[in-house]
N, C-alpha and C. Protein backbone atom coordinates (compact mmCIF):
# COMPACT_ATOMS: atom_id res chain seq x y z
N MET A 1 29.74 14.13 -63.30
CA MET A 1 28.35 14.46 -63.56
C MET A 1 28.21 15.99 -63.68
N ARG A 2 27.54 16.44 -64.70
CA ARG A 2 27.35 17.87 -64.95
C ARG A 2 26.24 18.41 -64.05
N THR A 3 26.50 19.54 -63.42
CA THR A 3 25.51 20.17 -62.56
C THR A 3 24.69 21.14 -63.41
N SER A 4 23.37 21.03 -63.30
CA SER A 4 22.49 21.90 -64.07
C SER A 4 22.42 23.29 -63.45
N THR A 5 21.99 24.24 -64.26
CA THR A 5 21.77 25.60 -63.76
C THR A 5 20.80 25.56 -62.60
N ARG A 6 19.75 24.76 -62.73
CA ARG A 6 18.74 24.65 -61.68
C ARG A 6 19.37 24.20 -60.36
N GLU A 7 20.22 23.17 -60.42
CA GLU A 7 20.86 22.67 -59.21
C GLU A 7 21.78 23.72 -58.59
N LEU A 8 22.46 24.47 -59.43
CA LEU A 8 23.33 25.53 -58.92
C LEU A 8 22.52 26.64 -58.25
N ILE A 9 21.41 27.02 -58.84
CA ILE A 9 20.56 28.07 -58.26
C ILE A 9 19.99 27.61 -56.92
N VAL A 10 19.48 26.37 -56.86
CA VAL A 10 18.93 25.85 -55.60
C VAL A 10 20.02 25.83 -54.54
N PHE A 11 21.20 25.39 -54.91
CA PHE A 11 22.32 25.40 -53.97
C PHE A 11 22.59 26.81 -53.48
N GLU A 12 22.59 27.78 -54.40
CA GLU A 12 22.90 29.15 -54.02
C GLU A 12 21.81 29.74 -53.12
N ILE A 13 20.54 29.37 -53.32
CA ILE A 13 19.47 29.83 -52.43
C ILE A 13 19.71 29.30 -51.02
N GLU A 14 20.03 28.01 -50.94
CA GLU A 14 20.30 27.42 -49.63
C GLU A 14 21.51 28.09 -48.98
N GLU A 15 22.51 28.38 -49.78
CA GLU A 15 23.71 29.05 -49.27
C GLU A 15 23.37 30.47 -48.80
N MET A 16 22.52 31.17 -49.55
CA MET A 16 22.11 32.53 -49.19
C MET A 16 21.39 32.50 -47.83
N ALA A 17 20.51 31.54 -47.62
CA ALA A 17 19.79 31.43 -46.34
C ALA A 17 20.76 31.14 -45.20
N ARG A 18 21.74 30.26 -45.45
CA ARG A 18 22.73 29.94 -44.42
C ARG A 18 23.56 31.19 -44.09
N GLU A 19 23.96 31.93 -45.12
CA GLU A 19 24.76 33.14 -44.89
C GLU A 19 23.96 34.19 -44.12
N HIS A 20 22.67 34.31 -44.40
CA HIS A 20 21.83 35.26 -43.66
C HIS A 20 21.82 34.90 -42.18
N ARG A 21 21.64 33.62 -41.89
CA ARG A 21 21.64 33.18 -40.48
C ARG A 21 22.98 33.52 -39.82
N GLN A 22 24.07 33.28 -40.55
CA GLN A 22 25.39 33.56 -39.98
C GLN A 22 25.59 35.05 -39.72
N ILE A 23 25.09 35.88 -40.61
CA ILE A 23 25.23 37.33 -40.42
C ILE A 23 24.45 37.77 -39.19
N LEU A 24 23.22 37.31 -39.06
CA LEU A 24 22.42 37.69 -37.90
C LEU A 24 23.03 37.15 -36.61
N GLU A 25 23.57 35.94 -36.65
CA GLU A 25 24.28 35.40 -35.49
C GLU A 25 25.53 36.24 -35.18
N GLY A 26 26.18 36.71 -36.24
CA GLY A 26 27.36 37.55 -36.05
C GLY A 26 27.02 38.84 -35.32
N PHE A 27 25.89 39.45 -35.67
CA PHE A 27 25.47 40.66 -34.96
C PHE A 27 25.11 40.34 -33.51
N ALA A 28 24.49 39.20 -33.29
CA ALA A 28 24.17 38.80 -31.91
C ALA A 28 25.46 38.61 -31.11
N GLN A 29 26.47 38.05 -31.74
CA GLN A 29 27.75 37.84 -31.06
C GLN A 29 28.47 39.16 -30.78
N LEU A 30 28.27 40.16 -31.64
CA LEU A 30 28.89 41.46 -31.40
C LEU A 30 28.45 42.07 -30.08
N ALA A 31 27.25 41.73 -29.64
CA ALA A 31 26.74 42.27 -28.38
C ALA A 31 27.60 41.83 -27.19
N ALA A 32 28.25 40.69 -27.33
CA ALA A 32 29.03 40.16 -26.22
C ALA A 32 30.54 40.36 -26.38
N VAL A 33 30.96 40.98 -27.48
CA VAL A 33 32.39 41.14 -27.74
C VAL A 33 32.95 42.27 -26.87
N PRO A 34 34.05 42.02 -26.19
CA PRO A 34 34.69 43.09 -25.40
C PRO A 34 35.13 44.24 -26.31
N GLU A 35 35.15 45.44 -25.76
CA GLU A 35 35.53 46.63 -26.53
C GLU A 35 36.84 46.45 -27.28
N ALA A 36 37.82 45.86 -26.64
CA ALA A 36 39.14 45.72 -27.25
C ALA A 36 39.12 44.82 -28.50
N GLU A 37 38.14 43.96 -28.60
CA GLU A 37 38.05 43.02 -29.73
C GLU A 37 36.97 43.41 -30.73
N PHE A 38 36.24 44.47 -30.43
CA PHE A 38 35.08 44.80 -31.26
C PHE A 38 35.46 45.13 -32.70
N ALA A 39 36.46 45.97 -32.90
CA ALA A 39 36.82 46.41 -34.25
C ALA A 39 37.18 45.21 -35.14
N ALA A 40 37.95 44.29 -34.64
CA ALA A 40 38.34 43.12 -35.43
C ALA A 40 37.13 42.25 -35.74
N SER A 41 36.28 42.05 -34.76
CA SER A 41 35.07 41.25 -34.98
C SER A 41 34.15 41.93 -35.99
N TYR A 42 34.03 43.24 -35.88
CA TYR A 42 33.22 44.02 -36.81
C TYR A 42 33.77 43.90 -38.23
N GLY A 43 35.07 43.99 -38.37
CA GLY A 43 35.70 43.87 -39.68
C GLY A 43 35.43 42.52 -40.33
N ARG A 44 35.50 41.46 -39.52
CA ARG A 44 35.20 40.12 -40.06
C ARG A 44 33.74 40.00 -40.48
N LEU A 45 32.86 40.57 -39.69
CA LEU A 45 31.43 40.53 -40.03
C LEU A 45 31.16 41.35 -41.29
N LEU A 46 31.79 42.48 -41.42
CA LEU A 46 31.63 43.31 -42.62
C LEU A 46 32.12 42.55 -43.85
N ASP A 47 33.24 41.85 -43.75
CA ASP A 47 33.72 41.03 -44.86
C ASP A 47 32.71 39.96 -45.24
N GLN A 48 32.09 39.37 -44.23
CA GLN A 48 31.09 38.33 -44.46
C GLN A 48 29.86 38.91 -45.17
N ILE A 49 29.42 40.08 -44.75
CA ILE A 49 28.26 40.72 -45.38
C ILE A 49 28.57 41.05 -46.84
N GLU A 50 29.76 41.56 -47.09
CA GLU A 50 30.15 41.87 -48.47
C GLU A 50 30.14 40.62 -49.34
N ALA A 51 30.66 39.51 -48.82
CA ALA A 51 30.67 38.25 -49.56
C ALA A 51 29.24 37.76 -49.82
N ASP A 52 28.38 37.91 -48.82
CA ASP A 52 26.98 37.50 -48.97
C ASP A 52 26.30 38.32 -50.06
N PHE A 53 26.53 39.62 -50.04
CA PHE A 53 25.92 40.48 -51.06
C PHE A 53 26.45 40.14 -52.45
N ARG A 54 27.76 39.86 -52.57
CA ARG A 54 28.31 39.48 -53.87
C ARG A 54 27.66 38.20 -54.38
N ALA A 55 27.44 37.24 -53.49
CA ALA A 55 26.80 35.98 -53.90
C ALA A 55 25.38 36.23 -54.38
N GLU A 56 24.64 37.06 -53.66
CA GLU A 56 23.28 37.41 -54.10
C GLU A 56 23.31 38.09 -55.46
N GLU A 57 24.25 38.98 -55.65
CA GLU A 57 24.33 39.72 -56.91
C GLU A 57 24.66 38.79 -58.07
N SER A 58 25.45 37.77 -57.80
CA SER A 58 25.76 36.78 -58.82
C SER A 58 24.51 36.01 -59.22
N ILE A 59 23.71 35.64 -58.24
CA ILE A 59 22.45 34.95 -58.52
C ILE A 59 21.54 35.84 -59.35
N MET A 60 21.42 37.11 -58.95
CA MET A 60 20.54 38.03 -59.66
C MET A 60 20.97 38.19 -61.12
N GLU A 61 22.26 38.23 -61.35
CA GLU A 61 22.74 38.34 -62.73
C GLU A 61 22.42 37.08 -63.52
N LYS A 62 22.57 35.90 -62.90
CA LYS A 62 22.31 34.63 -63.58
C LYS A 62 20.86 34.51 -64.03
N ILE A 63 19.95 35.05 -63.21
CA ILE A 63 18.53 34.89 -63.55
C ILE A 63 17.96 36.12 -64.24
N CYS A 64 18.82 37.08 -64.57
CA CYS A 64 18.37 38.35 -65.19
C CYS A 64 17.26 38.98 -64.35
N TYR A 65 17.55 39.14 -63.07
CA TYR A 65 16.58 39.64 -62.10
C TYR A 65 16.08 41.03 -62.49
N PRO A 66 14.78 41.20 -62.64
CA PRO A 66 14.26 42.49 -63.12
C PRO A 66 14.43 43.65 -62.13
N ASP A 67 14.56 43.37 -60.84
CA ASP A 67 14.71 44.44 -59.85
C ASP A 67 16.16 44.56 -59.38
N LEU A 68 17.07 44.15 -60.23
CA LEU A 68 18.49 44.16 -59.88
C LEU A 68 18.96 45.53 -59.41
N ARG A 69 18.58 46.56 -60.13
CA ARG A 69 19.06 47.91 -59.80
C ARG A 69 18.66 48.33 -58.39
N ASN A 70 17.40 48.12 -58.02
CA ASN A 70 16.95 48.49 -56.67
C ASN A 70 17.63 47.65 -55.60
N HIS A 71 17.83 46.37 -55.90
CA HIS A 71 18.47 45.49 -54.93
C HIS A 71 19.92 45.93 -54.72
N LEU A 72 20.61 46.24 -55.82
CA LEU A 72 21.98 46.71 -55.71
C LEU A 72 22.06 48.02 -54.93
N ARG A 73 21.09 48.89 -55.16
CA ARG A 73 21.06 50.16 -54.44
C ARG A 73 20.90 49.92 -52.94
N ASP A 74 20.05 48.96 -52.56
CA ASP A 74 19.87 48.65 -51.14
C ASP A 74 21.16 48.08 -50.55
N HIS A 75 21.82 47.19 -51.29
CA HIS A 75 23.11 46.67 -50.82
C HIS A 75 24.09 47.81 -50.62
N ALA A 76 24.17 48.71 -51.59
CA ALA A 76 25.10 49.83 -51.50
C ALA A 76 24.79 50.72 -50.30
N SER A 77 23.51 50.95 -50.04
CA SER A 77 23.13 51.79 -48.90
C SER A 77 23.54 51.15 -47.58
N LEU A 78 23.26 49.85 -47.44
CA LEU A 78 23.61 49.15 -46.21
C LEU A 78 25.12 49.12 -46.02
N LEU A 79 25.84 48.78 -47.09
CA LEU A 79 27.30 48.75 -46.98
C LEU A 79 27.87 50.14 -46.71
N GLY A 80 27.24 51.16 -47.29
CA GLY A 80 27.70 52.52 -47.05
C GLY A 80 27.65 52.88 -45.58
N ILE A 81 26.57 52.52 -44.93
CA ILE A 81 26.44 52.79 -43.49
C ILE A 81 27.52 52.04 -42.72
N LEU A 82 27.67 50.76 -43.05
CA LEU A 82 28.65 49.94 -42.34
C LEU A 82 30.07 50.46 -42.55
N HIS A 83 30.39 50.87 -43.77
CA HIS A 83 31.73 51.37 -44.06
C HIS A 83 31.97 52.76 -43.45
N LYS A 84 30.95 53.59 -43.40
CA LYS A 84 31.12 54.90 -42.76
C LYS A 84 31.40 54.78 -41.28
N ALA A 85 30.83 53.77 -40.65
CA ALA A 85 31.05 53.56 -39.22
C ALA A 85 32.42 52.94 -38.94
N ARG A 86 32.97 52.25 -39.91
CA ARG A 86 34.19 51.48 -39.66
C ARG A 86 35.37 52.29 -39.12
N PRO A 87 35.73 53.44 -39.70
CA PRO A 87 36.90 54.16 -39.15
C PRO A 87 36.71 54.56 -37.68
N TYR A 88 35.49 54.92 -37.32
CA TYR A 88 35.21 55.30 -35.94
C TYR A 88 35.32 54.08 -35.02
N ILE A 89 34.79 52.97 -35.50
CA ILE A 89 34.88 51.73 -34.72
C ILE A 89 36.33 51.30 -34.59
N ASP A 90 37.10 51.41 -35.68
CA ASP A 90 38.52 51.04 -35.64
C ASP A 90 39.29 51.90 -34.63
N GLU A 91 38.83 53.15 -34.43
CA GLU A 91 39.47 54.03 -33.46
C GLU A 91 38.94 53.83 -32.04
N GLY A 92 38.00 52.89 -31.87
CA GLY A 92 37.49 52.58 -30.55
C GLY A 92 36.29 53.39 -30.11
N ASP A 93 35.65 54.10 -31.04
CA ASP A 93 34.47 54.91 -30.71
C ASP A 93 33.27 53.97 -30.51
N MET A 94 32.97 53.67 -29.27
CA MET A 94 31.92 52.70 -28.98
C MET A 94 30.52 53.24 -29.22
N SER A 95 30.38 54.56 -29.38
CA SER A 95 29.04 55.08 -29.72
C SER A 95 28.64 54.59 -31.11
N PHE A 96 29.61 54.50 -32.02
CA PHE A 96 29.32 53.95 -33.35
C PHE A 96 29.09 52.45 -33.26
N ALA A 97 29.82 51.79 -32.41
CA ALA A 97 29.62 50.36 -32.20
C ALA A 97 28.20 50.11 -31.68
N ASP A 98 27.77 50.93 -30.75
CA ASP A 98 26.41 50.79 -30.22
C ASP A 98 25.36 51.04 -31.29
N MET A 99 25.61 52.03 -32.14
CA MET A 99 24.67 52.32 -33.23
C MET A 99 24.57 51.12 -34.17
N VAL A 100 25.70 50.56 -34.52
CA VAL A 100 25.72 49.41 -35.43
C VAL A 100 25.00 48.23 -34.79
N ARG A 101 25.31 47.95 -33.54
CA ARG A 101 24.67 46.82 -32.86
C ARG A 101 23.17 47.03 -32.72
N GLY A 102 22.75 48.27 -32.55
CA GLY A 102 21.33 48.55 -32.31
C GLY A 102 20.48 48.66 -33.55
N THR A 103 21.06 49.14 -34.65
CA THR A 103 20.23 49.41 -35.83
C THR A 103 20.47 48.47 -37.02
N MET A 104 21.69 48.06 -37.22
CA MET A 104 21.98 47.28 -38.43
C MET A 104 21.27 45.93 -38.48
N PRO A 105 21.15 45.21 -37.38
CA PRO A 105 20.40 43.96 -37.49
C PRO A 105 18.96 44.18 -37.99
N LEU A 106 18.32 45.25 -37.50
CA LEU A 106 16.96 45.55 -37.95
C LEU A 106 16.92 45.92 -39.42
N MET A 107 17.89 46.70 -39.85
CA MET A 107 17.95 47.09 -41.26
C MET A 107 18.21 45.88 -42.15
N LEU A 108 19.09 44.98 -41.70
CA LEU A 108 19.37 43.78 -42.49
C LEU A 108 18.19 42.83 -42.51
N VAL A 109 17.49 42.68 -41.39
CA VAL A 109 16.29 41.84 -41.37
C VAL A 109 15.25 42.40 -42.33
N HIS A 110 15.09 43.71 -42.33
CA HIS A 110 14.16 44.33 -43.27
C HIS A 110 14.57 44.01 -44.71
N HIS A 111 15.84 44.16 -45.02
CA HIS A 111 16.33 43.84 -46.36
C HIS A 111 16.04 42.37 -46.71
N MET A 112 16.32 41.49 -45.75
CA MET A 112 16.15 40.06 -46.00
C MET A 112 14.68 39.70 -46.20
N THR A 113 13.80 40.33 -45.42
CA THR A 113 12.39 39.96 -45.51
C THR A 113 11.66 40.64 -46.66
N VAL A 114 12.16 41.75 -47.13
CA VAL A 114 11.51 42.44 -48.25
C VAL A 114 12.25 42.14 -49.55
N MET A 115 13.48 42.58 -49.64
CA MET A 115 14.23 42.45 -50.89
C MET A 115 14.58 41.00 -51.21
N ASP A 116 15.07 40.27 -50.22
CA ASP A 116 15.52 38.91 -50.50
C ASP A 116 14.36 37.93 -50.67
N MET A 117 13.24 38.20 -50.04
CA MET A 117 12.07 37.34 -50.27
C MET A 117 11.56 37.52 -51.70
N THR A 118 11.59 38.74 -52.19
CA THR A 118 11.21 39.00 -53.58
C THR A 118 12.19 38.30 -54.52
N LEU A 119 13.47 38.37 -54.18
CA LEU A 119 14.48 37.67 -54.96
C LEU A 119 14.23 36.16 -54.94
N ALA A 120 13.91 35.61 -53.78
CA ALA A 120 13.63 34.17 -53.68
C ALA A 120 12.46 33.78 -54.57
N ASP A 121 11.43 34.61 -54.61
CA ASP A 121 10.30 34.35 -55.50
C ASP A 121 10.74 34.34 -56.96
N ALA A 122 11.60 35.29 -57.32
CA ALA A 122 12.10 35.35 -58.69
C ALA A 122 12.95 34.12 -59.02
N ILE A 123 13.74 33.68 -58.07
CA ILE A 123 14.56 32.49 -58.28
C ILE A 123 13.67 31.27 -58.46
N ALA A 124 12.63 31.17 -57.64
CA ALA A 124 11.69 30.05 -57.78
C ALA A 124 11.04 30.07 -59.16
N GLY A 125 10.66 31.25 -59.64
CA GLY A 125 10.09 31.37 -60.97
C GLY A 125 11.08 30.96 -62.04
N PHE A 126 12.33 31.35 -61.86
CA PHE A 126 13.38 30.98 -62.80
C PHE A 126 13.54 29.46 -62.85
N VAL A 127 13.61 28.85 -61.67
CA VAL A 127 13.79 27.39 -61.60
C VAL A 127 12.59 26.69 -62.22
N LYS A 128 11.38 27.17 -61.92
CA LYS A 128 10.18 26.57 -62.50
C LYS A 128 10.23 26.64 -64.03
N ASN A 129 10.64 27.79 -64.55
CA ASN A 129 10.76 27.96 -66.00
C ASN A 129 11.81 27.00 -66.57
N GLU A 130 12.91 26.85 -65.86
CA GLU A 130 13.95 25.93 -66.30
C GLU A 130 13.42 24.50 -66.36
N VAL A 131 12.66 24.09 -65.35
CA VAL A 131 12.10 22.74 -65.31
C VAL A 131 11.13 22.54 -66.47
N GLU A 132 10.26 23.54 -66.66
CA GLU A 132 9.28 23.43 -67.75
C GLU A 132 9.94 23.36 -69.11
N GLN A 133 11.11 23.97 -69.25
CA GLN A 133 11.81 23.96 -70.53
C GLN A 133 12.77 22.76 -70.63
N GLY A 134 12.81 21.94 -69.57
CA GLY A 134 13.63 20.74 -69.59
C GLY A 134 15.11 20.98 -69.45
N ARG A 135 15.49 22.04 -68.81
CA ARG A 135 16.94 22.34 -68.61
C ARG A 135 17.45 21.77 -67.32
């Protein structure tokens, strides 16, 4: 059975929401990670965030998202902060670990509630248009 573009987009929205929950849970788990394990846990979470952002970017390209440039810039800014902290965290500098644990969840929630909600609205509009056109 052939999967329609609409079904793929709906699946990707659901996947995006699941990935957001996992990322926020990952930051909550970082609070309890022992210092000796923090760098490895942080690296895994960073990989997960990068994969989540790539999936969002794929959706935005599929729907010709009009605010793609701003959304990409926000992704780049967030990843820039996370990557700048990584060498310090890898060296065991827990002040950077504390900064990441304290600020990044708030920054990501802001991104999710502002940028991603706007994206969700655009996806809904895309799907509605697809339905109306019989695709």
